[in-house]
Amino acid sequence: MKFLVVLATVILTVNALTDSGEWAAFKEKHGKTYKSALEESVRYSIFQNNLRKIEDHNARYDSGEETYYLGTTIFADMSTEEFKAMLKRQMKKRPALDDALKHEYDPENKLPESVDWRKEGAVTPVQNQGHCGSCWAFSATGSLEGQHAIKNNVTTLLSSQQLLDCSTSYGNGDCNKGGEMTYAFDYVKDNGIEPASKYPYEGVQQSCRYTASETIVKVASYVELEKGNEDSLKDAVANKGPVSVGIDGDTIQLYLGGIFSSILCSHDLNHGVLVVGYGTEKVLFSNTDYWIVKNSWGSGWGEDGYMKVKRNAKSMCGIADEPVYPIIV
């Protein structure tokens, strides 16, 4: 009995030391600071709970039961409930797009086995939206940047801050009310958009102060894809460029790598991201198709800011439910 007590004490001590080391590394990596010792204590407790989730999940990954793995991302000090509440502030429900063009494609056309627009210079570096619910703005600028690069052979970071500040009258909200990519395209259709170098991101909504003469991209129209049709999305990504999509982000808080697939991921879209390619890789002795998704949570989340989402899996996380891409002037 005494031996078991000693053993349990040793295990708890080792776990505590391991957690403490992980906590220190997490804070340093993500630049985390807290307002008080009490707040840090609460965050550390949440972090420890998330560590246990990560360990349990990754044990299943190592044994071949999962196709993706978890890690101490920038959100590892947030509870699941806090993370879901944060996402609720990010995207508005898309209206019916009666005036949008429809993406037409021939299902018989042979498409490349893989596409990665990052390799073609059509994707800008991963950004970090911070604590602002502005994912929709980064998704919109991402697809605009792709079209601009493909058409003009130049890679330019566009101003997500301009969309956050200036498109309120088009239906978008502030950091707490979220927005929608098509509203952003409507705004750029009328006003154009500046490069981020002229109108940099601040992470809070400010008064609109864009300069019309500085705008470098303008939208002619935008194209909606058939809901849930992953073949249509594949065609658009292959032949048109990066595509703005919405996903259910509730289950990707701690995603670090691999091909994401989860029965818990719904079609309740609450996070705007960008599909920049697709491919196939061997997982657990079989080929698995995936989408390459660019996020706006910084390079410390996922695979350097990107994730792979299982493709041809009934629109995993709703990824093919509301795709849209702009046509620029």
Protein backbone atom coordinates (compact mmCIF):
# COMPACT_ATOMS: atom_id res chain seq x y z
CA MET A 1 0.00 0.00 0.00
CA LYS A 2 2.79 2.39 0.96
CA PHE A 3 4.54 1.56 -2.33
CA LEU A 4 1.42 2.48 -4.34
CA VAL A 5 1.11 5.79 -2.52
CA VAL A 6 4.77 6.58 -3.20
CA LEU A 7 4.38 5.57 -6.86
CA ALA A 8 1.30 7.77 -7.28
CA THR A 9 3.14 10.67 -5.67
CA VAL A 10 6.10 10.22 -8.03
CA ILE A 11 3.80 10.10 -11.07
CA LEU A 12 1.98 13.25 -9.98
CA THR A 13 5.29 15.01 -9.36
CA VAL A 14 6.64 14.03 -12.79
CA ASN A 15 3.41 15.15 -14.48
CA ALA A 16 3.49 18.46 -12.62
CA LEU A 17 7.10 19.07 -13.67
CA THR A 18 6.29 18.14 -17.27
CA ASP A 19 3.24 20.41 -17.30
CA SER A 20 5.26 23.25 -15.80
CA GLY A 21 7.88 22.92 -18.53
CA GLU A 22 5.23 22.75 -21.24
CA TRP A 23 3.54 25.84 -19.77
CA ALA A 24 6.77 27.85 -19.81
CA ALA A 25 7.47 26.82 -23.40
CA PHE A 26 3.88 27.65 -24.42
CA LYS A 27 4.03 31.14 -22.92
CA GLU A 28 7.37 31.88 -24.55
CA LYS A 29 6.36 30.57 -27.98
CA HIS A 30 3.09 32.48 -28.15
CA GLY A 31 4.14 35.57 -26.18
CA LYS A 32 1.54 34.96 -23.48
CA THR A 33 1.28 37.28 -20.49
CA TYR A 34 -1.48 37.57 -17.90
CA LYS A 35 -2.86 40.46 -15.87
CA SER A 36 -2.51 38.77 -12.49
CA ALA A 37 -1.24 35.67 -10.73
CA LEU A 38 -4.85 34.55 -10.30
CA GLU A 39 -5.55 34.79 -14.03
CA GLU A 40 -2.39 32.86 -14.82
CA SER A 41 -3.37 30.18 -12.31
CA VAL A 42 -6.76 29.76 -13.99
CA ARG A 43 -5.15 29.64 -17.44
CA TYR A 44 -2.58 27.11 -16.28
CA SER A 45 -5.33 24.84 -14.96
CA ILE A 46 -7.14 25.01 -18.32
CA PHE A 47 -3.84 24.40 -20.10
CA GLN A 48 -3.26 21.25 -18.03
CA ASN A 49 -6.71 19.94 -18.96
CA ASN A 50 -5.94 20.59 -22.62
CA LEU A 51 -2.61 18.79 -22.27
CA ARG A 52 -4.45 15.67 -21.12
CA LYS A 53 -6.76 15.94 -24.17
CA ILE A 54 -3.73 16.32 -26.43
CA GLU A 55 -1.99 13.31 -24.88
CA ASP A 56 -5.09 11.11 -25.14
CA HIS A 57 -5.78 12.11 -28.75
CA ASN A 58 -2.17 11.76 -29.87
CA ALA A 59 -1.96 8.30 -28.31
CA ARG A 60 -4.83 7.34 -30.63
CA TYR A 61 -3.02 9.04 -33.53
CA ASP A 62 0.14 7.03 -32.79
CA SER A 63 -1.87 3.80 -32.76
CA GLY A 64 -3.49 4.61 -36.11
CA GLU A 65 -6.93 5.51 -34.78
CA GLU A 66 -6.76 9.19 -35.83
CA THR A 67 -5.50 10.91 -38.98
CA TYR A 68 -4.45 14.18 -37.35
CA TYR A 69 -2.63 15.22 -34.19
CA LEU A 70 -3.02 17.97 -31.61
CA GLY A 71 -0.63 20.33 -29.85
CA THR A 72 -0.30 23.38 -27.64
CA THR A 73 -1.52 25.96 -30.14
CA ILE A 74 -2.08 29.60 -29.25
CA PHE A 75 -5.52 28.60 -27.91
CA ALA A 76 -4.28 25.95 -25.47
CA ASP A 77 -5.02 28.19 -22.47
CA MET A 78 -8.69 28.54 -23.47
CA SER A 79 -11.50 26.22 -22.46
CA THR A 80 -13.61 24.60 -25.17
CA GLU A 81 -16.53 26.81 -24.15
CA GLU A 82 -14.44 29.99 -24.44
CA PHE A 83 -13.14 28.96 -27.84
CA LYS A 84 -16.63 28.24 -29.18
CA ALA A 85 -17.87 31.58 -27.82
CA MET A 86 -15.02 33.33 -29.65
CA LEU A 87 -16.00 31.69 -32.94
CA LYS A 88 -19.62 32.76 -32.55
CA ARG A 89 -18.42 36.34 -33.05
CA GLN A 90 -16.70 35.66 -36.36
CA MET A 91 -19.08 34.93 -39.23
CA LYS A 92 -22.54 36.13 -40.14
CA LYS A 93 -25.06 33.93 -41.90
CA ARG A 94 -24.75 34.31 -45.64
CA PRO A 95 -27.74 35.83 -47.42
CA ALA A 96 -29.24 34.32 -50.56
CA LEU A 97 -26.92 35.27 -53.42
CA ASP A 98 -29.55 35.90 -56.06
CA ASP A 99 -27.26 38.11 -58.13
CA ALA A 100 -24.10 36.01 -57.82
CA LEU A 101 -22.68 34.23 -60.83
CA LYS A 102 -22.75 30.43 -60.66
CA HIS A 103 -19.62 28.36 -61.10
CA GLU A 104 -20.03 26.12 -64.13
CA TYR A 105 -17.81 23.14 -64.79
CA ASP A 106 -17.69 19.92 -66.78
CA PRO A 107 -17.48 16.90 -64.45
CA GLU A 108 -15.77 15.01 -67.28
CA ASN A 109 -12.83 17.42 -67.43
CA LYS A 110 -9.64 15.87 -66.10
CA LEU A 111 -8.13 17.94 -63.29
CA PRO A 112 -4.61 17.83 -61.82
CA GLU A 113 -4.10 15.23 -59.10
CA SER A 114 -2.85 17.98 -56.81
CA VAL A 115 -2.82 21.79 -56.74
CA ASP A 116 -0.98 24.14 -54.39
CA TRP A 117 -1.27 27.85 -55.18
CA ARG A 118 1.42 28.62 -52.60
CA LYS A 119 3.96 27.19 -55.05
CA GLU A 120 2.67 29.52 -57.78
CA GLY A 121 3.11 32.71 -55.76
CA ALA A 122 -0.63 33.28 -55.43
CA VAL A 123 -0.78 33.06 -51.63
CA THR A 124 0.54 35.67 -49.20
CA PRO A 125 2.11 34.82 -45.81
CA VAL A 126 -0.17 33.61 -43.00
CA GLN A 127 -1.60 36.46 -40.91
CA ASN A 128 -2.93 36.56 -37.34
CA GLN A 129 -6.34 38.13 -36.75
CA GLY A 130 -5.68 38.27 -33.00
CA HIS A 131 -8.66 38.59 -30.67
CA CYS A 132 -10.83 40.24 -33.34
CA GLY A 133 -13.58 38.27 -35.11
CA SER A 134 -12.27 39.26 -38.53
CA CYS A 135 -11.71 35.85 -40.14
CA TRP A 136 -14.12 36.80 -42.93
CA ALA A 137 -11.91 39.77 -43.87
CA PHE A 138 -8.80 37.58 -44.14
CA SER A 139 -10.67 34.95 -46.14
CA ALA A 140 -11.88 37.66 -48.53
CA THR A 141 -8.49 39.32 -48.94
CA GLY A 142 -6.94 35.88 -49.45
CA SER A 143 -9.08 35.10 -52.48
CA LEU A 144 -8.62 38.66 -53.80
CA GLU A 145 -4.85 38.31 -53.41
CA GLY A 146 -4.97 35.04 -55.31
CA GLN A 147 -6.89 36.53 -58.22
CA HIS A 148 -4.61 39.58 -58.27
CA ALA A 149 -1.49 37.37 -58.33
CA ILE A 150 -2.82 35.11 -61.07
CA LYS A 151 -3.97 37.99 -63.27
CA ASN A 152 -1.10 40.44 -62.71
CA ASN A 153 1.77 38.13 -61.71
CA VAL A 154 2.40 39.97 -58.44
CA THR A 155 1.89 38.83 -54.85
CA THR A 156 0.53 41.64 -52.67
CA LEU A 157 -0.90 41.53 -49.16
CA LEU A 158 -4.24 43.39 -49.22
CA SER A 159 -5.84 45.34 -46.39
CA SER A 160 -8.06 43.27 -44.12
CA GLN A 161 -8.21 46.32 -41.86
CA GLN A 162 -9.89 48.35 -44.60
CA LEU A 163 -12.61 45.72 -44.87
CA LEU A 164 -13.04 45.70 -41.09
CA ASP A 165 -13.23 49.50 -40.88
CA CYS A 166 -15.15 50.37 -44.01
CA SER A 167 -17.65 47.65 -44.98
CA THR A 168 -20.10 48.04 -42.09
CA SER A 169 -22.76 49.61 -44.32
CA TYR A 170 -22.53 46.53 -46.55
CA GLY A 171 -23.54 44.22 -43.69
CA ASN A 172 -20.28 43.43 -41.92
CA GLY A 173 -19.77 44.00 -38.21
CA ASP A 174 -16.96 44.89 -35.84
CA CYS A 175 -14.65 42.49 -34.01
CA ASN A 176 -17.55 41.18 -31.91
CA LYS A 177 -20.25 40.89 -34.57
CA GLY A 178 -18.40 39.19 -37.40
CA GLY A 179 -18.94 39.46 -41.11
CA GLU A 180 -19.31 37.64 -44.40
CA MET A 181 -16.98 37.34 -47.38
CA THR A 182 -19.60 38.26 -49.98
CA TYR A 183 -20.34 41.51 -48.12
CA ALA A 184 -16.62 42.25 -48.35
CA PHE A 185 -16.64 41.59 -52.10
CA ASP A 186 -19.64 43.91 -52.49
CA TYR A 187 -17.67 46.63 -50.73
CA VAL A 188 -14.54 46.11 -52.87
CA LYS A 189 -16.71 46.12 -55.99
CA ASP A 190 -17.78 49.68 -55.18
CA ASN A 191 -14.63 51.02 -53.54
CA GLY A 192 -11.57 48.93 -54.35
CA ILE A 193 -9.03 47.82 -51.76
CA GLU A 194 -5.63 49.14 -50.70
CA PRO A 195 -2.50 47.10 -50.04
CA ALA A 196 -1.88 46.27 -46.38
CA SER A 197 1.33 48.31 -46.54
CA LYS A 198 -0.82 51.43 -46.96
CA TYR A 199 -3.60 50.37 -44.58
CA PRO A 200 -2.10 47.89 -42.06
CA TYR A 201 -3.97 45.55 -39.75
CA GLU A 202 -4.59 46.74 -36.17
CA GLY A 203 -6.90 44.05 -34.80
CA VAL A 204 -9.64 46.48 -33.73
CA GLN A 205 -12.23 48.31 -35.78
CA GLN A 206 -11.35 51.95 -36.41
CA SER A 207 -12.96 54.74 -38.42
CA CYS A 208 -12.79 54.20 -42.18
CA ARG A 209 -9.83 56.09 -43.65
CA TYR A 210 -9.04 54.49 -46.98
CA THR A 211 -7.71 56.55 -49.87
CA ALA A 212 -9.38 55.82 -53.21
CA SER A 213 -6.23 56.65 -55.18
CA GLU A 214 -4.29 53.97 -53.26
CA THR A 215 -6.61 51.07 -54.15
CA ILE A 216 -5.04 48.44 -56.39
CA VAL A 217 -7.75 45.76 -56.74
CA LYS A 218 -11.43 46.09 -57.59
CA VAL A 219 -14.10 43.41 -57.90
CA ALA A 220 -16.27 43.03 -60.99
CA SER A 221 -18.45 40.28 -59.51
CA TYR A 222 -18.17 37.06 -57.52
CA VAL A 223 -19.02 33.45 -58.18
CA GLU A 224 -20.96 31.08 -55.95
CA LEU A 225 -20.41 27.31 -56.04
CA GLU A 226 -23.04 24.61 -55.69
CA LYS A 227 -23.62 23.80 -52.02
CA GLY A 228 -21.79 20.72 -50.84
CA ASN A 229 -20.32 19.85 -54.25
CA GLU A 230 -16.66 19.02 -53.66
CA ASP A 231 -16.07 18.26 -57.35
CA SER A 232 -17.14 21.82 -58.16
CA LEU A 233 -14.83 23.18 -55.46
CA LYS A 234 -11.95 21.09 -56.82
CA ASP A 235 -12.57 22.48 -60.30
CA ALA A 236 -12.69 26.06 -59.02
CA VAL A 237 -9.47 25.68 -57.03
CA ALA A 238 -7.69 24.05 -59.97
CA ASN A 239 -8.88 26.45 -62.66
CA LYS A 240 -9.66 29.73 -60.89
CA GLY A 241 -7.42 29.98 -57.81
CA PRO A 242 -7.81 30.15 -54.02
CA VAL A 243 -11.45 30.03 -52.88
CA SER A 244 -13.07 31.59 -49.81
CA VAL A 245 -15.01 29.09 -47.69
CA GLY A 246 -16.69 28.87 -44.32
CA ILE A 247 -16.16 25.98 -41.91
CA ASP A 248 -17.22 24.85 -38.46
CA GLY A 249 -14.15 25.75 -36.44
CA ASP A 250 -15.28 24.45 -33.05
CA THR A 251 -13.14 21.30 -33.13
CA ILE A 252 -9.86 22.69 -34.53
CA GLN A 253 -8.72 24.62 -31.44
CA LEU A 254 -5.69 22.38 -30.82
CA TYR A 255 -5.07 21.11 -34.37
CA LEU A 256 -1.36 20.86 -35.13
CA GLY A 257 -1.04 18.60 -38.17
CA GLY A 258 -2.26 15.71 -40.28
CA ILE A 259 -5.50 15.35 -42.23
CA PHE A 260 -8.37 16.61 -40.11
CA SER A 261 -11.49 14.46 -39.98
CA SER A 262 -14.01 14.34 -37.14
CA ILE A 263 -17.60 13.22 -36.74
CA LEU A 264 -17.94 16.09 -34.24
CA CYS A 265 -17.32 18.71 -36.93
CA SER A 266 -20.71 20.05 -38.07
CA HIS A 267 -21.96 22.15 -40.98
CA ASP A 268 -22.65 25.13 -38.71
CA LEU A 269 -20.29 27.59 -40.38
CA ASN A 270 -18.63 30.00 -37.96
CA HIS A 271 -15.13 30.59 -39.34
CA GLY A 272 -13.94 31.98 -42.68
CA VAL A 273 -10.82 30.45 -44.24
CA LEU A 274 -9.22 30.00 -47.67
CA VAL A 275 -8.79 26.83 -49.73
CA VAL A 276 -5.45 27.19 -51.56
CA GLY A 277 -5.09 23.69 -52.97
CA TYR A 278 -5.76 20.00 -52.65
CA GLY A 279 -3.94 16.69 -52.78
CA THR A 280 -3.79 13.07 -51.70
CA GLU A 281 -1.45 11.27 -49.33
CA LYS A 282 -1.17 7.79 -47.90
CA VAL A 283 -2.63 7.54 -44.39
CA LEU A 284 -2.92 4.23 -42.55
CA PHE A 285 -2.04 2.27 -45.72
CA SER A 286 -4.69 3.95 -47.89
CA ASN A 287 -4.80 7.10 -49.99
CA THR A 288 -6.66 9.99 -48.36
CA ASP A 289 -7.76 13.10 -50.25
CA TYR A 290 -7.47 16.48 -48.55
CA TRP A 291 -7.95 20.21 -48.97
CA ILE A 292 -5.13 22.65 -48.16
CA VAL A 293 -6.63 25.39 -45.99
CA LYS A 294 -5.04 28.71 -45.05
CA ASN A 295 -6.14 30.05 -41.66
CA SER A 296 -5.66 33.47 -40.04
CA TRP A 297 -4.51 32.36 -36.58
CA GLY A 298 -0.80 32.90 -37.11
CA SER A 299 1.94 30.43 -38.02
CA GLY A 300 1.97 28.92 -34.50
CA TRP A 301 -1.32 27.13 -35.17
CA GLY A 302 -1.59 24.03 -37.34
CA GLU A 303 1.00 23.29 -40.01
CA ASP A 304 2.64 26.73 -40.04
CA GLY A 305 -0.79 28.34 -40.13
CA TYR A 306 -2.37 25.85 -42.53
CA MET A 307 -4.40 22.70 -42.13
CA LYS A 308 -5.41 19.73 -44.23
CA VAL A 309 -9.10 18.85 -44.19
CA LYS A 310 -10.31 15.49 -45.46
CA ARG A 311 -11.69 15.82 -48.99
CA ASN A 312 -14.57 13.86 -50.52
CA ALA A 313 -15.97 13.28 -47.04
CA LYS A 314 -19.45 14.79 -47.38
CA SER A 315 -18.09 18.35 -47.14
CA MET A 316 -16.15 17.83 -43.91
CA CYS A 317 -16.81 20.72 -41.48
CA GLY A 318 -19.01 22.32 -44.16
CA ILE A 319 -15.99 23.24 -46.26
CA ALA A 320 -17.89 22.94 -49.56
CA ASP A 321 -21.17 24.37 -48.30
CA GLU A 322 -20.63 28.05 -49.16
CA PRO A 323 -17.56 28.49 -51.39
CA VAL A 324 -17.19 31.77 -53.27
CA TYR A 325 -14.47 33.48 -55.27
CA PRO A 326 -14.23 36.99 -56.76
CA ILE A 327 -13.69 38.09 -60.33
CA ILE A 328 -11.47 41.16 -60.32
CA VAL A 329 -11.37 44.02 -62.82
